[in-house]
Protein backbone atom coordinates (compact mmCIF):
# COMPACT_ATOMS: atom_id res chain seq x y z
CA MET A 1 1.62 -17.85 -0.70
CA SER A 2 -0.16 -18.10 2.64
CA ARG A 3 -0.28 -15.34 5.21
CA ASP A 4 2.20 -17.10 7.53
CA GLU A 5 4.69 -17.57 4.70
CA GLU A 6 4.32 -13.91 3.76
CA LYS A 7 5.04 -12.84 7.35
CA GLY A 8 8.03 -15.18 7.42
CA TRP A 9 9.47 -13.53 4.31
CA SER A 10 8.96 -10.06 5.75
CA VAL A 11 10.63 -11.02 9.04
CA SER A 12 13.57 -12.62 7.26
CA SER A 13 14.01 -9.66 4.93
CA LEU A 14 13.96 -7.23 7.87
CA PHE A 15 16.50 -9.46 9.62
CA LEU A 16 18.82 -9.31 6.61
CA VAL A 17 18.49 -5.52 6.37
CA GLY A 18 19.30 -5.25 10.10
CA VAL A 19 22.36 -7.46 9.72
CA CYS A 20 23.52 -5.38 6.72
CA PHE A 21 23.11 -2.11 8.64
CA CYS A 22 25.00 -3.48 11.64
CA GLY A 23 27.66 -4.89 9.32
CA ILE A 24 28.17 -1.51 7.67
CA ALA A 25 28.34 0.19 11.05
CA PHE A 26 30.78 -2.20 12.68
CA LEU A 27 32.90 -3.34 9.74
CA SER A 28 33.46 -0.09 7.85
CA PRO A 29 36.60 1.84 8.78
CA THR A 30 36.49 4.96 10.90
CA ALA A 31 37.36 8.21 9.19
CA GLY A 32 40.52 10.19 9.74
CA ASN A 33 43.62 9.18 11.67
CA ASN A 34 41.73 7.67 14.57
CA HIS A 35 43.01 4.13 14.47
CA GLY A 36 42.12 2.13 17.54
CA ASP A 37 39.38 4.46 18.78
CA SER A 38 35.74 3.42 18.78
CA PHE A 39 33.39 5.28 16.49
CA ILE A 40 31.31 6.38 19.49
CA LYS A 41 34.36 8.03 21.05
CA ILE A 42 35.16 9.81 17.78
CA ALA A 43 31.57 11.04 17.42
CA ARG A 44 31.57 12.33 21.00
CA SER A 45 34.82 14.22 20.47
CA SER A 46 33.29 16.70 18.02
CA SER A 47 33.02 20.31 19.08
CA TRP A 48 30.42 22.99 18.50
CA HIS A 49 33.22 25.42 17.60
CA ARG A 50 34.47 23.62 14.48
CA LEU A 51 32.28 23.28 11.40
CA PHE A 52 32.10 20.16 9.27
CA GLU A 53 34.11 17.61 11.24
CA TRP A 54 33.75 14.85 8.67
CA ALA A 55 35.31 12.11 10.79
CA ALA A 56 32.86 12.74 13.61
CA ALA A 57 29.97 13.04 11.14
CA TRP A 58 30.80 9.65 9.60
CA CYS A 59 31.05 8.06 13.02
CA SER A 60 27.70 9.61 13.95
CA LEU A 61 26.17 8.06 10.84
CA LYS A 62 27.66 4.75 11.91
CA MET A 63 25.91 5.16 15.28
CA ILE A 64 22.62 5.80 13.51
CA LEU A 65 23.07 2.78 11.23
CA ALA A 66 23.97 0.53 14.16
CA SER A 67 20.91 1.72 16.07
CA ILE A 68 18.57 1.13 13.12
CA GLY A 69 20.10 -2.30 12.56
CA LEU A 70 19.69 -3.18 16.23
CA PHE A 71 16.08 -1.96 16.11
CA LEU A 72 15.32 -4.23 13.16
CA LEU A 73 17.01 -7.25 14.77
CA ILE A 74 15.09 -6.76 18.02
CA GLU A 75 11.87 -6.30 16.07
CA CYS A 76 12.43 -9.58 14.22
CA LEU A 77 13.19 -11.45 17.42
CA GLY A 78 10.06 -10.06 19.09
CA THR A 79 7.91 -10.96 16.09
CA ILE A 80 9.22 -14.52 16.10
CA LEU A 81 8.48 -14.79 19.82
CA VAL A 82 4.93 -13.52 19.31
CA ARG A 83 4.35 -16.03 16.53
CA ARG A 84 5.51 -18.85 18.82
CA ASN A 85 3.14 -17.73 21.61
CA HIS A 86 5.80 -16.40 24.01
CA LYS A 87 4.00 -13.10 24.49
CA ASP A 88 5.46 -12.22 27.90
CA VAL A 89 9.02 -12.59 26.67
CA ALA A 90 8.14 -10.76 23.45
CA VAL A 91 6.95 -7.70 25.38
CA THR A 92 10.26 -7.61 27.21
CA VAL A 93 12.16 -7.92 23.94
CA PHE A 94 10.09 -5.15 22.35
CA CYS A 95 10.91 -2.91 25.33
CA LEU A 96 14.60 -3.27 24.40
CA ASN A 97 13.87 -1.13 21.35
CA ILE A 98 14.03 1.87 23.67
CA VAL A 99 17.81 1.42 23.76
CA SER A 100 18.10 1.47 19.98
CA CYS A 101 15.84 4.53 19.74
CA LEU A 102 18.01 6.35 22.27
CA GLY A 103 21.10 5.36 20.27
CA CYS A 104 19.57 6.76 17.10
CA LEU A 105 18.67 10.03 18.83
CA THR A 106 22.17 10.29 20.27
CA GLY A 107 23.68 9.65 16.84
CA CYS A 108 21.49 12.39 15.33
CA TYR A 109 22.60 14.80 18.05
CA TYR A 110 26.28 14.03 17.41
CA LEU A 111 25.74 14.37 13.66
CA ILE A 112 24.24 17.82 14.07
CA LYS A 113 27.02 18.72 16.49
CA ALA A 114 29.69 17.58 14.03
CA LEU A 115 28.24 19.50 11.10
CA LEU A 116 27.26 22.79 12.78
């Protein structure tokens, strides 16, 4: 297997992992009796005064999974753009990973808030 084929397999496998993480985050049901609310709204509604809010903790985990999945998808797109010699566009795409990193940090904050 040549080096380009090996990179292609790694990019496609990361793409599939990113799609699976986003699929879990967006297609799995929210916890509790919160039908119709977004999982971000449920995660934000947790309070520091109540311990172990499992619905908010699950929704926080969904935020983290969605952020990791988005990070992997953006990374794959940027790698494909670099391989096709669109380096200026690829830098812009790689800068979008800041959004997914902020989403992951926010999800970790809400997870700690829901459990403590």
